[in-house]
C-alpha atoms as a PDB file:
ATOM      1  CA  MET A   1     -88.707 -51.966  14.095  1.00  0.00           C
ATOM      2  CA  HIS A   2     -86.280 -49.546  14.544  1.00  0.00           C
ATOM      3  CA  THR A   3     -87.476 -46.260  14.927  1.00  0.00           C
ATOM      4  CA  ILE A   4     -86.345 -42.960  12.561  1.00  0.00           C
ATOM      5  CA  PHE A   5     -84.113 -41.647  15.984  1.00  0.00           C
ATOM      6  CA  ASN A   6     -82.509 -45.079  16.477  1.00  0.00           C
ATOM      7  CA  LEU A   7     -81.384 -45.353  12.771  1.00  0.00           C
ATOM      8  CA  VAL A   8     -79.330 -42.104  13.004  1.00  0.00           C
ATOM      9  CA  GLN A   9     -77.933 -42.216  16.280  1.00  0.00           C
ATOM     10  CA  ASN A  10     -74.924 -44.294  14.765  1.00  0.00           C
ATOM     11  CA  LYS A  11     -71.846 -41.253  13.846  1.00  0.00           C
ATOM     12  CA  LYS A  12     -69.890 -43.695  12.030  1.00  0.00           C
ATOM     13  CA  GLU A  13     -72.023 -44.392   9.097  1.00  0.00           C
ATOM     14  CA  ASN A  14     -72.220 -42.015   6.118  1.00  0.00           C
ATOM     15  CA  ARG A  15     -75.205 -39.694   5.073  1.00  0.00           C
ATOM     16  CA  GLU A  16     -75.575 -42.682   2.326  1.00  0.00           C
ATOM     17  CA  GLU A  17     -75.493 -45.579   4.961  1.00  0.00           C
ATOM     18  CA  ILE A  18     -78.175 -43.845   7.002  1.00  0.00           C
ATOM     19  CA  SER A  19     -80.472 -42.468   4.075  1.00  0.00           C
ATOM     20  CA  SER A  20     -80.367 -46.099   2.463  1.00  0.00           C
ATOM     21  CA  ARG A  21     -81.388 -47.312   6.445  1.00  0.00           C
ATOM     22  CA  ILE A  22     -84.005 -44.747   6.732  1.00  0.00           C
ATOM     23  CA  LEU A  23     -85.657 -45.990   3.072  1.00  0.00           C
ATOM     24  CA  LYS A  24     -85.878 -49.540   3.832  1.00  0.00           C
ATOM     25  CA  THR A  25     -87.238 -49.307   6.998  1.00  0.00           C
ATOM     26  CA  VAL A  26     -90.214 -46.505   6.244  1.00  0.00           C
ATOM     27  CA  PHE A  27     -90.580 -48.978   2.374  1.00  0.00           C
ATOM     28  CA  GLU A  28     -91.146 -52.160   5.230  1.00  0.00           C
ATOM     29  CA  ALA A  29     -92.986 -50.964   7.068  1.00  0.00           C
ATOM     30  CA  LEU A  30     -95.172 -49.410   4.068  1.00  0.00           C
ATOM     31  CA  LEU A  31     -95.460 -52.642   2.472  1.00  0.00           C
ATOM     32  CA  GLU A  32     -96.414 -54.447   6.293  1.00  0.00           C
ATOM     33  CA  VAL A  33     -99.385 -51.747   5.808  1.00  0.00           C
ATOM     34  CA  GLU A  34    -100.249 -52.581   2.742  1.00  0.00           C
ATOM     35  CA  ARG A  35    -100.867 -56.441   3.419  1.00  0.00           C
ATOM     36  CA  ASP A  36    -102.856 -55.914   6.680  1.00  0.00           C
ATOM     37  CA  GLU A  37    -105.034 -53.473   4.697  1.00  0.00           C
ATOM     38  CA  PHE A  38    -105.592 -56.429   1.816  1.00  0.00           C
ATOM     39  CA  MET A  39    -105.937 -59.109   4.109  1.00  0.00           C
ATOM     40  CA  LYS A  40    -108.938 -56.888   6.020  1.00  0.00           C
ATOM     41  CA  ASN A  41    -110.852 -57.308   2.680  1.00  0.00           C
ATOM     42  CA  LYS A  42    -109.961 -60.473   1.787  1.00  0.00           C
ATOM     43  CA  GLU A  43    -111.454 -63.990   2.210  1.00  0.00           C
ATOM     44  CA  SER A  44    -111.015 -65.532   5.916  1.00  0.00           C
ATOM     45  CA  GLN A  45    -109.086 -68.265   5.065  1.00  0.00           C
ATOM     46  CA  ASN A  46    -106.115 -66.452   3.958  1.00  0.00           C
ATOM     47  CA  LYS A  47    -103.854 -65.688   6.177  1.00  0.00           C
ATOM     48  CA  LYS A  48    -100.162 -64.228   6.634  1.00  0.00           C
ATOM     49  CA  ASN A  49     -97.394 -66.116   5.300  1.00  0.00           C
ATOM     50  CA  GLY A  50     -94.162 -64.408   5.920  1.00  0.00           C
ATOM     51  CA  TYR A  51     -91.551 -62.318   3.479  1.00  0.00           C
ATOM     52  CA  TYR A  52     -89.661 -62.908   0.790  1.00  0.00           C
ATOM     53  CA  SER A  53     -86.265 -61.008   0.034  1.00  0.00           C
ATOM     54  CA  ARG A  54     -85.875 -58.721  -2.789  1.00  0.00           C
ATOM     55  CA  LEU A  55     -83.469 -56.302  -4.192  1.00  0.00           C
ATOM     56  CA  ALA A  56     -84.557 -52.845  -3.963  1.00  0.00           C
ATOM     57  CA  LYS A  57     -82.380 -49.823  -6.006  1.00  0.00           C
ATOM     58  CA  THR A  58     -82.353 -46.534  -5.086  1.00  0.00           C
ATOM     59  CA  LEU A  59     -80.902 -43.178  -5.541  1.00  0.00           C
ATOM     60  CA  ALA A  60     -80.118 -43.575  -1.689  1.00  0.00           C
ATOM     61  CA  GLY A  61     -78.031 -47.140  -2.837  1.00  0.00           C
ATOM     62  CA  ILE A  62     -78.641 -50.635  -3.031  1.00  0.00           C
ATOM     63  CA  PHE A  63     -80.661 -53.195  -0.034  1.00  0.00           C
ATOM     64  CA  GLU A  64     -82.883 -55.901   0.678  1.00  0.00           C
ATOM     65  CA  ILE A  65     -86.171 -55.541   2.016  1.00  0.00           C
ATOM     66  CA  LYS A  66     -88.442 -57.962   3.152  1.00  0.00           C
ATOM     67  CA  VAL A  67     -91.583 -58.146   1.158  1.00  0.00           C
ATOM     68  CA  PRO A  68     -94.546 -59.752   2.442  1.00  0.00           C
ATOM     69  CA  ARG A  69     -96.849 -62.454   1.307  1.00  0.00           C
ATOM     70  CA  ASP A  70    -100.134 -64.323   2.034  1.00  0.00           C
ATOM     71  CA  ARG A  71    -101.217 -67.819   1.943  1.00  0.00           C
ATOM     72  CA  LEU A  72    -102.845 -67.837  -1.383  1.00  0.00           C
ATOM     73  CA  GLY A  73    -100.263 -65.821  -3.158  1.00  0.00           C
ATOM     74  CA  LEU A  74    -102.790 -62.771  -3.835  1.00  0.00           C
ATOM     75  CA  PHE A  75    -101.137 -59.987  -2.329  1.00  0.00           C
ATOM     76  CA  LYS A  76     -99.340 -57.464  -4.411  1.00  0.00           C
ATOM     77  CA  SER A  77     -97.691 -54.850  -3.773  1.00  0.00           C
ATOM     78  CA  LEU A  78     -99.220 -51.550  -5.629  1.00  0.00           C
ATOM     79  CA  ILE A  79     -96.102 -49.818  -4.027  1.00  0.00           C
ATOM     80  CA  LEU A  80     -93.355 -52.116  -5.513  1.00  0.00           C
ATOM     81  CA  GLU A  81     -95.202 -51.653  -8.509  1.00  0.00           C
ATOM     82  CA  ILE A  82     -95.258 -47.933  -8.646  1.00  0.00           C
ATOM     83  CA  ALA A  83     -91.587 -48.160  -7.279  1.00  0.00           C
ATOM     84  CA  LYS A  84     -91.191 -50.622 -10.932  1.00  0.00           C
ATOM     85  CA  ARG A  85     -93.194 -48.383 -12.852  1.00  0.00           C
ATOM     86  CA  GLU A  86     -90.764 -44.887 -11.748  1.00  0.00           C
ATOM     87  CA  LYS A  87     -87.252 -47.079 -12.483  1.00  0.00           C
ATOM     88  CA  GLN A  88     -88.869 -47.739 -15.739  1.00  0.00           C
ATOM     89  CA  ASN A  89     -89.312 -44.280 -16.502  1.00  0.00           C
ATOM     90  CA  LEU A  90     -86.258 -42.858 -15.728  1.00  0.00           C
ATOM     91  CA  ASP A  91     -84.422 -46.070 -17.467  1.00  0.00           C
ATOM     92  CA  GLN A  92     -86.365 -44.545 -20.627  1.00  0.00           C
ATOM     93  CA  LEU A  93     -85.738 -40.817 -19.613  1.00  0.00           C
ATOM     94  CA  ALA A  94     -81.908 -41.936 -19.466  1.00  0.00           C
ATOM     95  CA  PHE A  95     -82.311 -43.625 -22.806  1.00  0.00           C
ATOM     96  CA  GLU A  96     -83.648 -40.872 -24.575  1.00  0.00           C
ATOM     97  CA  LEU A  97     -80.990 -38.246 -23.369  1.00  0.00           C
ATOM     98  CA  TYR A  98     -78.363 -40.794 -24.564  1.00  0.00           C
ATOM     99  CA  SER A  99     -80.117 -41.387 -28.081  1.00  0.00           C
ATOM    100  CA  LYS A 100     -80.193 -37.549 -28.520  1.00  0.00           C
ATOM    101  CA  GLY A 101     -76.242 -37.137 -27.959  1.00  0.00           C
ATOM    102  CA  MET A 102     -76.161 -36.375 -24.498  1.00  0.00           C
ATOM    103  CA  SER A 103     -73.048 -38.452 -22.960  1.00  0.00           C
ATOM    104  CA  ASP A 104     -73.128 -40.675 -20.326  1.00  0.00           C
ATOM    105  CA  ARG A 105     -71.761 -37.672 -17.861  1.00  0.00           C
ATOM    106  CA  ASP A 106     -73.603 -35.052 -18.664  1.00  0.00           C
ATOM    107  CA  ILE A 107     -76.492 -37.430 -17.764  1.00  0.00           C
ATOM    108  CA  GLY A 108     -75.508 -38.531 -14.407  1.00  0.00           C
ATOM    109  CA  SER A 109     -74.853 -35.289 -13.865  1.00  0.00           C
ATOM    110  CA  ALA A 110     -78.461 -34.146 -15.305  1.00  0.00           C
ATOM    111  CA  LEU A 111     -79.560 -36.974 -12.972  1.00  0.00           C
ATOM    112  CA  GLU A 112     -77.465 -36.206  -9.873  1.00  0.00           C
ATOM    113  CA  ASN A 113     -79.131 -32.103 -10.197  1.00  0.00           C
ATOM    114  CA  VAL A 114     -82.633 -33.515  -9.935  1.00  0.00           C
ATOM    115  CA  TYR A 115     -82.556 -36.727  -7.780  1.00  0.00           C
ATOM    116  CA  GLY A 116     -79.964 -35.757  -5.574  1.00  0.00           C
END
């Protein structure tokens, strides 16, 4: 795994690319720790079983992450559920603002001001 320091060394990348790579690295590390903790508390017959890919859409960009899994298919990431819920909340907010008469441009500008 790359360290955060190594990720920011490439001067040719713009801030969005660097932010996206850092977020990807941190997110994957959190998922790995979450699965490891899950596996400590479960049956001994269940084992780690690699990864599957999923696209992550964030304010830092869209990137592919490796989501860990287990053989019995019991591991469900709480981190992914929280991220999914936050995206749904953000989508609902944008819809409500639009239905109250805000333009797409105004909504985008407001979200940009809040989330950067």
